[in-house]
Protein backbone atom coordinates (compact mmCIF):
# COMPACT_ATOMS: atom_id res chain seq x y z
CA UNK A 1 0.00 0.00 0.00
CA UNK A 2 1.44 3.39 -1.02
CA UNK A 3 0.36 6.01 1.52
CA UNK A 4 1.16 9.66 1.02
CA UNK A 5 2.43 11.60 4.01
CA UNK A 6 2.21 15.38 3.82
CA UNK A 7 5.30 17.33 4.78
CA UNK A 8 4.79 20.64 6.55
CA UNK A 9 6.59 23.64 5.09
CA UNK A 10 6.52 27.09 6.66
CA UNK A 11 6.85 30.34 4.71
CA UNK A 12 6.44 34.03 5.36
CA UNK A 13 4.39 36.14 2.94
CA UNK A 14 3.46 39.80 2.79
CA UNK A 15 0.26 41.00 4.43
CA UNK A 16 -1.12 41.81 0.97
CA UNK A 17 -0.50 38.28 -0.33
CA UNK A 18 -1.91 36.74 2.85
CA UNK A 19 -5.11 38.75 2.43
CA UNK A 20 -5.45 37.65 -1.21
CA UNK A 21 -4.87 34.00 -0.29
CA UNK A 22 -7.38 34.15 2.56
CA UNK A 23 -10.02 35.78 0.34
CA UNK A 24 -9.47 33.23 -2.46
CA UNK A 25 -9.66 30.32 -0.03
CA UNK A 26 -12.99 31.64 1.29
CA UNK A 27 -14.40 32.11 -2.24
CA UNK A 28 -13.26 28.64 -3.36
CA UNK A 29 -14.36 26.93 -0.14
CA UNK A 30 -10.88 25.59 0.58
CA UNK A 31 -8.75 25.78 3.66
CA UNK A 32 -5.83 28.18 3.37
CA UNK A 33 -3.41 25.27 3.62
CA UNK A 34 -5.20 23.37 0.85
CA UNK A 35 -5.20 26.40 -1.46
CA UNK A 36 -1.49 27.06 -0.98
CA UNK A 37 -0.68 23.38 -1.53
CA UNK A 38 -2.80 23.36 -4.72
CA UNK A 39 -1.14 26.52 -6.07
CA UNK A 40 2.36 25.22 -5.36
CA UNK A 41 1.66 21.84 -6.95
CA UNK A 42 0.21 23.52 -10.04
CA UNK A 43 3.21 25.85 -10.35
CA UNK A 44 5.78 23.06 -9.91
CA UNK A 45 4.01 20.42 -12.03
CA UNK A 46 6.21 20.76 -15.13
CA UNK A 47 9.36 22.13 -13.49
CA UNK A 48 12.55 20.14 -13.90
CA UNK A 49 16.00 20.60 -12.44
CA UNK A 50 18.07 22.53 -15.01
CA UNK A 51 21.05 20.63 -16.36
CA UNK A 52 24.49 22.05 -15.75
CA UNK A 53 27.11 21.99 -18.48
CA UNK A 54 28.82 19.07 -16.70
CA UNK A 55 25.59 17.02 -16.61
CA UNK A 56 24.91 17.63 -20.32
CA UNK A 57 28.18 15.91 -21.37
PDB file of N, CA and C in Angstrom:
ATOM      1  N   UNK A   1       0.846  -1.176   0.000  1.00  0.00           N
ATOM      2  CA  UNK A   1       0.000   0.000   0.000  1.00  0.00           C
ATOM      3  C   UNK A   1       0.889   1.235   0.000  1.00  0.00           C
ATOM      4  N   UNK A   2       0.637   2.177  -0.900  1.00  0.00           N
ATOM      5  CA  UNK A   2       1.436   3.390  -1.021  1.00  0.00           C
ATOM      6  C   UNK A   2       0.696   4.552  -0.386  1.00  0.00           C
ATOM      7  N   UNK A   3       1.033   4.897   0.857  1.00  0.00           N
ATOM      8  CA  UNK A   3       0.361   6.011   1.516  1.00  0.00           C
ATOM      9  C   UNK A   3       1.191   7.274   1.362  1.00  0.00           C
ATOM     10  N   UNK A   4       0.509   8.378   1.246  1.00  0.00           N
ATOM     11  CA  UNK A   4       1.161   9.657   1.024  1.00  0.00           C
ATOM     12  C   UNK A   4       1.148  10.456   2.326  1.00  0.00           C
ATOM     13  N   UNK A   5       2.317  10.828   2.785  1.00  0.00           N
ATOM     14  CA  UNK A   5       2.431  11.603   4.010  1.00  0.00           C
ATOM     15  C   UNK A   5       2.765  13.037   3.637  1.00  0.00           C
ATOM     16  N   UNK A   6       1.970  13.970   4.113  1.00  0.00           N
ATOM     17  CA  UNK A   6       2.209  15.376   3.816  1.00  0.00           C
ATOM     18  C   UNK A   6       3.356  15.897   4.670  1.00  0.00           C
ATOM     19  N   UNK A   7       4.198  16.704   4.063  1.00  0.00           N
ATOM     20  CA  UNK A   7       5.296  17.331   4.780  1.00  0.00           C
ATOM     21  C   UNK A   7       4.920  18.784   5.021  1.00  0.00           C
ATOM     22  N   UNK A   8       5.118  19.255   6.223  1.00  0.00           N
ATOM     23  CA  UNK A   8       4.795  20.639   6.549  1.00  0.00           C
ATOM     24  C   UNK A   8       5.957  21.547   6.166  1.00  0.00           C
ATOM     25  N   UNK A   9       5.613  22.644   5.504  1.00  0.00           N
ATOM     26  CA  UNK A   9       6.587  23.645   5.090  1.00  0.00           C
ATOM     27  C   UNK A   9       6.068  24.995   5.560  1.00  0.00           C
ATOM     28  N   UNK A  10       6.928  25.789   6.161  1.00  0.00           N
ATOM     29  CA  UNK A  10       6.521  27.094   6.664  1.00  0.00           C
ATOM     30  C   UNK A  10       7.148  28.189   5.828  1.00  0.00           C
ATOM     31  N   UNK A  11       6.360  29.227   5.510  1.00  0.00           N
ATOM     32  CA  UNK A  11       6.854  30.344   4.709  1.00  0.00           C
ATOM     33  C   UNK A  11       6.231  31.637   5.212  1.00  0.00           C
ATOM     34  N   UNK A  12       6.954  32.712   5.027  1.00  0.00           N
ATOM     35  CA  UNK A  12       6.438  34.034   5.361  1.00  0.00           C
ATOM     36  C   UNK A  12       6.024  34.734   4.077  1.00  0.00           C
ATOM     37  N   UNK A  13       4.877  35.384   4.097  1.00  0.00           N
ATOM     38  CA  UNK A  13       4.389  36.143   2.943  1.00  0.00           C
ATOM     39  C   UNK A  13       3.974  37.535   3.415  1.00  0.00           C
ATOM     40  N   UNK A  14       3.867  38.438   2.456  1.00  0.00           N
ATOM     41  CA  UNK A  14       3.463  39.801   2.791  1.00  0.00           C
ATOM     42  C   UNK A  14       2.007  39.812   3.266  1.00  0.00           C
ATOM     43  N   UNK A  15       1.646  40.856   3.980  1.00  0.00           N
ATOM     44  CA  UNK A  15       0.259  41.004   4.430  1.00  0.00           C
ATOM     45  C   UNK A  15      -0.698  41.028   3.236  1.00  0.00           C
ATOM     46  N   UNK A  16      -0.280  41.701   2.165  1.00  0.00           N
ATOM     47  CA  UNK A  16      -1.119  41.814   0.968  1.00  0.00           C
ATOM     48  C   UNK A  16      -1.378  40.437   0.350  1.00  0.00           C
ATOM     49  N   UNK A  17      -0.338  39.623   0.230  1.00  0.00           N
ATOM     50  CA  UNK A  17      -0.504  38.282  -0.330  1.00  0.00           C
ATOM     51  C   UNK A  17      -1.351  37.413   0.594  1.00  0.00           C
ATOM     52  N   UNK A  18      -1.129  37.525   1.891  1.00  0.00           N
ATOM     53  CA  UNK A  18      -1.906  36.741   2.851  1.00  0.00           C
ATOM     54  C   UNK A  18      -3.395  37.072   2.725  1.00  0.00           C
ATOM     55  N   UNK A  19      -3.716  38.342   2.578  1.00  0.00           N
ATOM     56  CA  UNK A  19      -5.113  38.749   2.427  1.00  0.00           C
ATOM     57  C   UNK A  19      -5.723  38.167   1.150  1.00  0.00           C
ATOM     58  N   UNK A  20      -4.957  38.205   0.053  1.00  0.00           N
ATOM     59  CA  UNK A  20      -5.447  37.646  -1.209  1.00  0.00           C
ATOM     60  C   UNK A  20      -5.682  36.141  -1.078  1.00  0.00           C
ATOM     61  N   UNK A  21      -4.735  35.450  -0.470  1.00  0.00           N
ATOM     62  CA  UNK A  21      -4.866  34.004  -0.292  1.00  0.00           C
ATOM     63  C   UNK A  21      -6.072  33.667   0.580  1.00  0.00           C
ATOM     64  N   UNK A  22      -6.243  34.401   1.660  1.00  0.00           N
ATOM     65  CA  UNK A  22      -7.376  34.155   2.558  1.00  0.00           C
ATOM     66  C   UNK A  22      -8.704  34.390   1.841  1.00  0.00           C
ATOM     67  N   UNK A  23      -8.784  35.468   1.070  1.00  0.00           N
ATOM     68  CA  UNK A  23     -10.017  35.777   0.339  1.00  0.00           C
ATOM     69  C   UNK A  23     -10.308  34.685  -0.695  1.00  0.00           C
ATOM     70  N   UNK A  24      -9.277  34.281  -1.444  1.00  0.00           N
ATOM     71  CA  UNK A  24      -9.475  33.233  -2.460  1.00  0.00           C
ATOM     72  C   UNK A  24      -9.896  31.919  -1.821  1.00  0.00           C
ATOM     73  N   UNK A  25      -9.291  31.576  -0.689  1.00  0.00           N
ATOM     74  CA  UNK A  25      -9.657  30.319  -0.029  1.00  0.00           C
ATOM     75  C   UNK A  25     -11.113  30.351   0.427  1.00  0.00           C
ATOM     76  N   UNK A  26     -11.582  31.504   0.891  1.00  0.00           N
ATOM     77  CA  UNK A  26     -12.989  31.643   1.285  1.00  0.00           C
ATOM     78  C   UNK A  26     -13.906  31.477   0.072  1.00  0.00           C
ATOM     79  N   UNK A  27     -13.578  32.151  -1.026  1.00  0.00           N
ATOM     80  CA  UNK A  27     -14.398  32.105  -2.237  1.00  0.00           C
ATOM     81  C   UNK A  27     -14.461  30.689  -2.804  1.00  0.00           C
ATOM     82  N   UNK A  28     -13.331  29.989  -2.793  1.00  0.00           N
ATOM     83  CA  UNK A  28     -13.264  28.638  -3.361  1.00  0.00           C
ATOM     84  C   UNK A  28     -13.681  27.543  -2.383  1.00  0.00           C
ATOM     85  N   UNK A  29     -13.940  27.919  -1.133  1.00  0.00           N
ATOM     86  CA  UNK A  29     -14.365  26.934  -0.140  1.00  0.00           C
ATOM     87  C   UNK A  29     -13.267  25.957   0.243  1.00  0.00           C
ATOM     88  N   UNK A  30     -12.030  26.417   0.208  1.00  0.00           N
ATOM     89  CA  UNK A  30     -10.875  25.587   0.576  1.00  0.00           C
ATOM     90  C   UNK A  30     -10.280  26.119   1.871  1.00  0.00           C
ATOM     91  N   UNK A  31      -9.540  25.273   2.550  1.00  0.00           N
ATOM     92  CA  UNK A  31      -8.748  25.781   3.659  1.00  0.00           C
ATOM     93  C   UNK A  31      -7.567  26.551   3.067  1.00  0.00           C
ATOM     94  N   UNK A  32      -6.990  27.426   3.833  1.00  0.00           N
ATOM     95  CA  UNK A  32      -5.829  28.184   3.368  1.00  0.00           C
ATOM     96  C   UNK A  32      -4.683  27.241   3.028  1.00  0.00           C
ATOM     97  N   UNK A  33      -4.465  26.254   3.860  1.00  0.00           N
ATOM     98  CA  UNK A  33      -3.411  25.270   3.618  1.00  0.00           C
ATOM     99  C   UNK A  33      -3.642  24.514   2.311  1.00  0.00           C
ATOM    100  N   UNK A  34      -4.876  24.095   2.068  1.00  0.00           N
ATOM    101  CA  UNK A  34      -5.202  23.369   0.846  1.00  0.00           C
ATOM    102  C   UNK A  34      -4.992  24.238  -0.383  1.00  0.00           C
ATOM    103  N   UNK A  35      -5.382  25.497  -0.327  1.00  0.00           N
ATOM    104  CA  UNK A  35      -5.201  26.401  -1.459  1.00  0.00           C
ATOM    105  C   UNK A  35      -3.725  26.592  -1.767  1.00  0.00           C
ATOM    106  N   UNK A  36      -2.925  26.844  -0.752  1.00  0.00           N
ATOM    107  CA  UNK A  36      -1.494  27.057  -0.976  1.00  0.00           C
ATOM    108  C   UNK A  36      -0.849  25.797  -1.538  1.00  0.00           C
ATOM    109  N   UNK A  37      -1.207  24.643  -1.018  1.00  0.00           N
ATOM    110  CA  UNK A  37      -0.680  23.381  -1.529  1.00  0.00           C
ATOM    111  C   UNK A  37      -1.058  23.201  -2.997  1.00  0.00           C
ATOM    112  N   UNK A  38      -2.323  23.466  -3.328  1.00  0.00           N
ATOM    113  CA  UNK A  38      -2.802  23.356  -4.715  1.00  0.00           C
ATOM    114  C   UNK A  38      -2.019  24.290  -5.641  1.00  0.00           C
ATOM    115  N   UNK A  39      -1.847  25.551  -5.230  1.00  0.00           N
ATOM    116  CA  UNK A  39      -1.143  26.522  -6.068  1.00  0.00           C
ATOM    117  C   UNK A  39       0.313  26.129  -6.280  1.00  0.00           C
ATOM    118  N   UNK A  40       0.975  25.651  -5.235  1.00  0.00           N
ATOM    119  CA  UNK A  40       2.365  25.222  -5.363  1.00  0.00           C
ATOM    120  C   UNK A  40       2.491  23.996  -6.267  1.00  0.00           C
ATOM    121  N   UNK A  41       1.607  23.029  -6.091  1.00  0.00           N
ATOM    122  CA  UNK A  41       1.661  21.838  -6.947  1.00  0.00           C
ATOM    123  C   UNK A  41       1.438  22.206  -8.402  1.00  0.00           C
ATOM    124  N   UNK A  42       0.485  23.091  -8.668  1.00  0.00           N
ATOM    125  CA  UNK A  42       0.209  23.516 -10.042  1.00  0.00           C
ATOM    126  C   UNK A  42       1.407  24.240 -10.645  1.00  0.00           C
ATOM    127  N   UNK A  43       2.048  25.097  -9.870  1.00  0.00           N
ATOM    128  CA  UNK A  43       3.210  25.850 -10.353  1.00  0.00           C
ATOM    129  C   UNK A  43       4.395  24.934 -10.639  1.00  0.00           C
ATOM    130  N   UNK A  44       4.598  23.914  -9.806  1.00  0.00           N
ATOM    131  CA  UNK A  44       5.775  23.060  -9.910  1.00  0.00           C
ATOM    132  C   UNK A  44       5.567  21.825 -10.786  1.00  0.00           C
ATOM    133  N   UNK A  45       4.361  21.624 -11.290  1.00  0.00           N
ATOM    134  CA  UNK A  45       4.007  20.417 -12.032  1.00  0.00           C
ATOM    135  C   UNK A  45       4.985  20.072 -13.156  1.00  0.00           C
ATOM    136  N   UNK A  46       5.355  21.031 -13.973  1.00  0.00           N
ATOM    137  CA  UNK A  46       6.211  20.762 -15.129  1.00  0.00           C
ATOM    138  C   UNK A  46       7.662  21.189 -14.933  1.00  0.00           C
ATOM    139  N   UNK A  47       8.004  21.650 -13.746  1.00  0.00           N
ATOM    140  CA  UNK A  47       9.358  22.130 -13.487  1.00  0.00           C
ATOM    141  C   UNK A  47      10.321  20.960 -13.405  1.00  0.00           C
ATOM    142  N   UNK A  48      11.492  21.147 -13.989  1.00  0.00           N
ATOM    143  CA  UNK A  48      12.545  20.137 -13.902  1.00  0.00           C
ATOM    144  C   UNK A  48      13.842  20.820 -13.491  1.00  0.00           C
ATOM    145  N   UNK A  49      14.701  20.071 -12.849  1.00  0.00           N
ATOM    146  CA  UNK A  49      16.000  20.603 -12.440  1.00  0.00           C
ATOM    147  C   UNK A  49      16.801  20.940 -13.701  1.00  0.00           C
ATOM    148  N   UNK A  50      17.274  22.173 -13.829  1.00  0.00           N
ATOM    149  CA  UNK A  50      18.069  22.527 -15.014  1.00  0.00           C
ATOM    150  C   UNK A  50      19.376  21.740 -15.042  1.00  0.00           C
ATOM    151  N   UNK A  51      19.787  21.346 -16.228  1.00  0.00           N
ATOM    152  CA  UNK A  51      21.047  20.628 -16.361  1.00  0.00           C
ATOM    153  C   UNK A  51      22.192  21.606 -16.373  1.00  0.00           C
ATOM    154  N   UNK A  52      23.276  21.255 -15.689  1.00  0.00           N
ATOM    155  CA  UNK A  52      24.488  22.051 -15.747  1.00  0.00           C
ATOM    156  C   UNK A  52      25.290  21.600 -16.966  1.00  0.00           C
ATOM    157  N   UNK A  53      26.281  22.361 -17.342  1.00  0.00           N
ATOM    158  CA  UNK A  53      27.109  21.988 -18.485  1.00  0.00           C
ATOM    159  C   UNK A  53      27.775  20.642 -18.268  1.00  0.00           C
ATOM    160  N   UNK A  54      28.171  20.352 -17.025  1.00  0.00           N
ATOM    161  CA  UNK A  54      28.818  19.074 -16.704  1.00  0.00           C
ATOM    162  C   UNK A  54      27.850  17.907 -16.890  1.00  0.00           C
ATOM    163  N   UNK A  55      26.586  18.087 -16.493  1.00  0.00           N
ATOM    164  CA  UNK A  55      25.585  17.018 -16.609  1.00  0.00           C
ATOM    165  C   UNK A  55      25.224  16.755 -18.064  1.00  0.00           C
ATOM    166  N   UNK A  56      25.311  17.763 -18.918  1.00  0.00           N
ATOM    167  CA  UNK A  56      24.913  17.628 -20.317  1.00  0.00           C
ATOM    168  C   UNK A  56      25.912  16.810 -21.124  1.00  0.00           C
ATOM    169  N   UNK A  57      27.142  16.649 -20.627  1.00  0.00           N
ATOM    170  CA  UNK A  57      28.180  15.912 -21.366  1.00  0.00           C
ATOM    171  C   UNK A  57      27.899  14.437 -21.424  1.00  0.00           C
TER     172      UNK A  57
END
